[in-house]
Amino acid sequence: QVQLVESGGGLVQAGWSLRLSCAASGITFSINDMAWYRQAPGKQRELVASISSGGSTMYADSVEGRFTISVDNAKNTAYLQMNSLKSEDTAVYYCHAIRQISRIAYWGQGTQVTVSS
């Protein structure tokens, strides 16, 4: 059974930083692809950042240069370091993992990030 458990969300002021964590069980990040998505109220879920099993990363234009995605293979935990937060970053952030071969996808339960201006 695959479980993705996010943590680290909260309420911060604009300009501050937060680090989200996604602890995985039942799936190994080092050999699969993972990503962070977010969904703001009234908006569609959008891709924020992704990292492949080979370590290639991709970022949405809106977070490029401010957010960093990483994986600690020893802990099987992914992170999203978010710096210079803006009010428009307010959303529920979701951890997402895809098995490389079967392409079966899994979602975490989400963690709320609220940035006050």
C-alpha atoms as a PDB file:
ATOM      1  CA  GLN A   1       0.000   0.000   0.000  1.00  0.00           C
ATOM      2  CA  VAL A   2       1.404   3.361  -1.030  1.00  0.00           C
ATOM      3  CA  GLN A   3       1.172   6.280   1.359  1.00  0.00           C
ATOM      4  CA  LEU A   4       2.366   9.824   0.796  1.00  0.00           C
ATOM      5  CA  VAL A   5       2.189  12.027   3.868  1.00  0.00           C
ATOM      6  CA  GLU A   6       2.791  15.753   3.512  1.00  0.00           C
ATOM      7  CA  SER A   7       3.763  18.089   6.319  1.00  0.00           C
ATOM      8  CA  GLY A   8       5.220  21.538   6.816  1.00  0.00           C
ATOM      9  CA  GLY A   9       2.384  23.745   5.674  1.00  0.00           C
ATOM     10  CA  GLY A  10       1.205  26.716   7.659  1.00  0.00           C
ATOM     11  CA  LEU A  11       0.450  30.421   7.782  1.00  0.00           C
ATOM     12  CA  VAL A  12       3.324  32.759   6.965  1.00  0.00           C
ATOM     13  CA  GLN A  13       3.820  36.343   5.880  1.00  0.00           C
ATOM     14  CA  ALA A  14       4.797  37.320   2.360  1.00  0.00           C
ATOM     15  CA  GLY A  15       8.540  37.059   1.862  1.00  0.00           C
ATOM     16  CA  TRP A  16       8.974  34.245   4.361  1.00  0.00           C
ATOM     17  CA  SER A  17       9.996  30.662   3.656  1.00  0.00           C
ATOM     18  CA  LEU A  18       8.496  27.242   4.258  1.00  0.00           C
ATOM     19  CA  ARG A  19       9.708  23.714   3.592  1.00  0.00           C
ATOM     20  CA  LEU A  20       7.172  21.038   2.762  1.00  0.00           C
ATOM     21  CA  SER A  21       7.970  17.380   3.280  1.00  0.00           C
ATOM     22  CA  CYS A  22       6.463  14.269   1.713  1.00  0.00           C
ATOM     23  CA  ALA A  23       7.263  11.010   3.459  1.00  0.00           C
ATOM     24  CA  ALA A  24       6.631   7.958   1.283  1.00  0.00           C
ATOM     25  CA  SER A  25       5.954   4.324   2.055  1.00  0.00           C
ATOM     26  CA  GLY A  26       5.238   1.576  -0.459  1.00  0.00           C
ATOM     27  CA  ILE A  27       7.011   3.459  -3.239  1.00  0.00           C
ATOM     28  CA  THR A  28      10.656   4.420  -3.619  1.00  0.00           C
ATOM     29  CA  PHE A  29      11.358   7.943  -4.831  1.00  0.00           C
ATOM     30  CA  SER A  30      14.834   7.065  -6.082  1.00  0.00           C
ATOM     31  CA  ILE A  31      13.436   4.877  -8.888  1.00  0.00           C
ATOM     32  CA  ASN A  32      10.222   6.702  -9.614  1.00  0.00           C
ATOM     33  CA  ASP A  33       9.108  10.198 -10.524  1.00  0.00           C
ATOM     34  CA  MET A  34       7.537  12.591  -8.084  1.00  0.00           C
ATOM     35  CA  ALA A  35       6.096  16.079  -8.106  1.00  0.00           C
ATOM     36  CA  TRP A  36       4.410  18.771  -6.068  1.00  0.00           C
ATOM     37  CA  TYR A  37       1.074  20.182  -7.191  1.00  0.00           C
ATOM     38  CA  ARG A  38      -1.070  22.893  -5.662  1.00  0.00           C
ATOM     39  CA  GLN A  39      -4.693  23.911  -5.812  1.00  0.00           C
ATOM     40  CA  ALA A  40      -5.927  27.345  -4.843  1.00  0.00           C
ATOM     41  CA  PRO A  41      -9.599  28.003  -4.032  1.00  0.00           C
ATOM     42  CA  GLY A  42     -11.675  28.109  -7.200  1.00  0.00           C
ATOM     43  CA  LYS A  43      -8.746  27.088  -9.395  1.00  0.00           C
ATOM     44  CA  GLN A  44      -7.582  23.890 -11.037  1.00  0.00           C
ATOM     45  CA  ARG A  45      -4.786  21.845  -9.553  1.00  0.00           C
ATOM     46  CA  GLU A  46      -1.479  22.857 -11.130  1.00  0.00           C
ATOM     47  CA  LEU A  47       1.978  21.385 -11.326  1.00  0.00           C
ATOM     48  CA  VAL A  48       4.479  23.289  -9.216  1.00  0.00           C
ATOM     49  CA  ALA A  49       7.656  21.254  -9.548  1.00  0.00           C
ATOM     50  CA  SER A  50       8.748  17.776 -10.520  1.00  0.00           C
ATOM     51  CA  ILE A  51      11.818  15.610 -10.176  1.00  0.00           C
ATOM     52  CA  SER A  52      12.561  12.458 -12.128  1.00  0.00           C
ATOM     53  CA  SER A  53      14.247   9.350 -10.805  1.00  0.00           C
ATOM     54  CA  GLY A  54      17.348  10.589 -12.609  1.00  0.00           C
ATOM     55  CA  GLY A  55      17.259  13.871 -10.735  1.00  0.00           C
ATOM     56  CA  SER A  56      16.011  16.126 -13.526  1.00  0.00           C
ATOM     57  CA  THR A  57      13.860  18.935 -12.191  1.00  0.00           C
ATOM     58  CA  MET A  58      11.224  21.159 -13.706  1.00  0.00           C
ATOM     59  CA  TYR A  59       9.426  24.184 -12.254  1.00  0.00           C
ATOM     60  CA  ALA A  60       6.373  26.186 -13.094  1.00  0.00           C
ATOM     61  CA  ASP A  61       7.267  29.656 -14.339  1.00  0.00           C
ATOM     62  CA  SER A  62       5.519  31.203 -11.359  1.00  0.00           C
ATOM     63  CA  VAL A  63       7.876  29.543  -8.854  1.00  0.00           C
ATOM     64  CA  GLU A  64      11.113  29.301 -10.859  1.00  0.00           C
ATOM     65  CA  GLY A  65      13.996  30.696  -8.818  1.00  0.00           C
ATOM     66  CA  ARG A  66      11.994  30.692  -5.578  1.00  0.00           C
ATOM     67  CA  PHE A  67      11.118  27.017  -5.018  1.00  0.00           C
ATOM     68  CA  THR A  68      13.433  24.018  -4.954  1.00  0.00           C
ATOM     69  CA  ILE A  69      12.367  20.381  -5.165  1.00  0.00           C
ATOM     70  CA  SER A  70      14.591  17.647  -3.774  1.00  0.00           C
ATOM     71  CA  VAL A  71      14.560  14.057  -2.589  1.00  0.00           C
ATOM     72  CA  ASP A  72      16.437  12.450   0.293  1.00  0.00           C
ATOM     73  CA  ASN A  73      16.731   8.868  -0.905  1.00  0.00           C
ATOM     74  CA  ALA A  74      17.936   7.602   2.460  1.00  0.00           C
ATOM     75  CA  LYS A  75      14.761   8.887   4.123  1.00  0.00           C
ATOM     76  CA  ASN A  76      12.550   8.273   1.071  1.00  0.00           C
ATOM     77  CA  THR A  77      11.253  11.785   1.612  1.00  0.00           C
ATOM     78  CA  ALA A  78      10.725  14.586  -0.868  1.00  0.00           C
ATOM     79  CA  TYR A  79      10.899  18.266  -0.086  1.00  0.00           C
ATOM     80  CA  LEU A  80       9.723  21.528  -1.533  1.00  0.00           C
ATOM     81  CA  GLN A  81      11.704  24.481  -0.254  1.00  0.00           C
ATOM     82  CA  MET A  82       9.654  27.611  -0.825  1.00  0.00           C
ATOM     83  CA  ASN A  83      11.349  30.987  -0.477  1.00  0.00           C
ATOM     84  CA  SER A  84      10.113  34.534  -1.021  1.00  0.00           C
ATOM     85  CA  LEU A  85       6.548  33.388  -0.664  1.00  0.00           C
ATOM     86  CA  LYS A  86       3.798  35.488  -2.200  1.00  0.00           C
ATOM     87  CA  SER A  87       0.091  35.698  -1.457  1.00  0.00           C
ATOM     88  CA  GLU A  88      -0.581  33.972  -4.780  1.00  0.00           C
ATOM     89  CA  ASP A  89       1.269  30.905  -3.488  1.00  0.00           C
ATOM     90  CA  THR A  90      -1.618  30.301  -1.095  1.00  0.00           C
ATOM     91  CA  ALA A  91      -3.027  26.844  -1.868  1.00  0.00           C
ATOM     92  CA  VAL A  92      -3.252  23.264  -0.745  1.00  0.00           C
ATOM     93  CA  TYR A  93      -0.039  21.552  -1.791  1.00  0.00           C
ATOM     94  CA  TYR A  94      -0.082  17.900  -2.803  1.00  0.00           C
ATOM     95  CA  CYS A  95       2.658  15.337  -3.113  1.00  0.00           C
ATOM     96  CA  HIS A  96       2.380  13.172  -6.229  1.00  0.00           C
ATOM     97  CA  ALA A  97       4.319  10.066  -7.233  1.00  0.00           C
ATOM     98  CA  ILE A  98       4.235   7.981 -10.408  1.00  0.00           C
ATOM     99  CA  ARG A  99       5.645   4.524 -10.839  1.00  0.00           C
ATOM    100  CA  GLN A 100       8.062   4.657 -13.763  1.00  0.00           C
ATOM    101  CA  ILE A 101       6.929   1.504 -15.556  1.00  0.00           C
ATOM    102  CA  SER A 102       3.217   1.142 -14.811  1.00  0.00           C
ATOM    103  CA  ARG A 103       2.601   4.929 -14.620  1.00  0.00           C
ATOM    104  CA  ILE A 104       0.242   4.338 -11.709  1.00  0.00           C
ATOM    105  CA  ALA A 105      -0.051   7.598  -9.814  1.00  0.00           C
ATOM    106  CA  TYR A 106      -0.518   8.316  -6.113  1.00  0.00           C
ATOM    107  CA  TRP A 107      -1.496  11.448  -4.207  1.00  0.00           C
ATOM    108  CA  GLY A 108      -0.940  12.653  -0.694  1.00  0.00           C
ATOM    109  CA  GLN A 109      -3.705  14.196   1.381  1.00  0.00           C
ATOM    110  CA  GLY A 110      -2.424  17.740   0.945  1.00  0.00           C
ATOM    111  CA  THR A 111      -1.080  20.419   3.257  1.00  0.00           C
ATOM    112  CA  GLN A 112      -2.380  23.982   3.446  1.00  0.00           C
ATOM    113  CA  VAL A 113      -0.041  26.883   2.777  1.00  0.00           C
ATOM    114  CA  THR A 114      -1.396  30.344   3.468  1.00  0.00           C
ATOM    115  CA  VAL A 115       0.640  33.455   2.725  1.00  0.00           C
ATOM    116  CA  SER A 116      -0.613  36.735   4.134  1.00  0.00           C
ATOM    117  CA  SER A 117       0.321  39.972   2.412  1.00  0.00           C
END
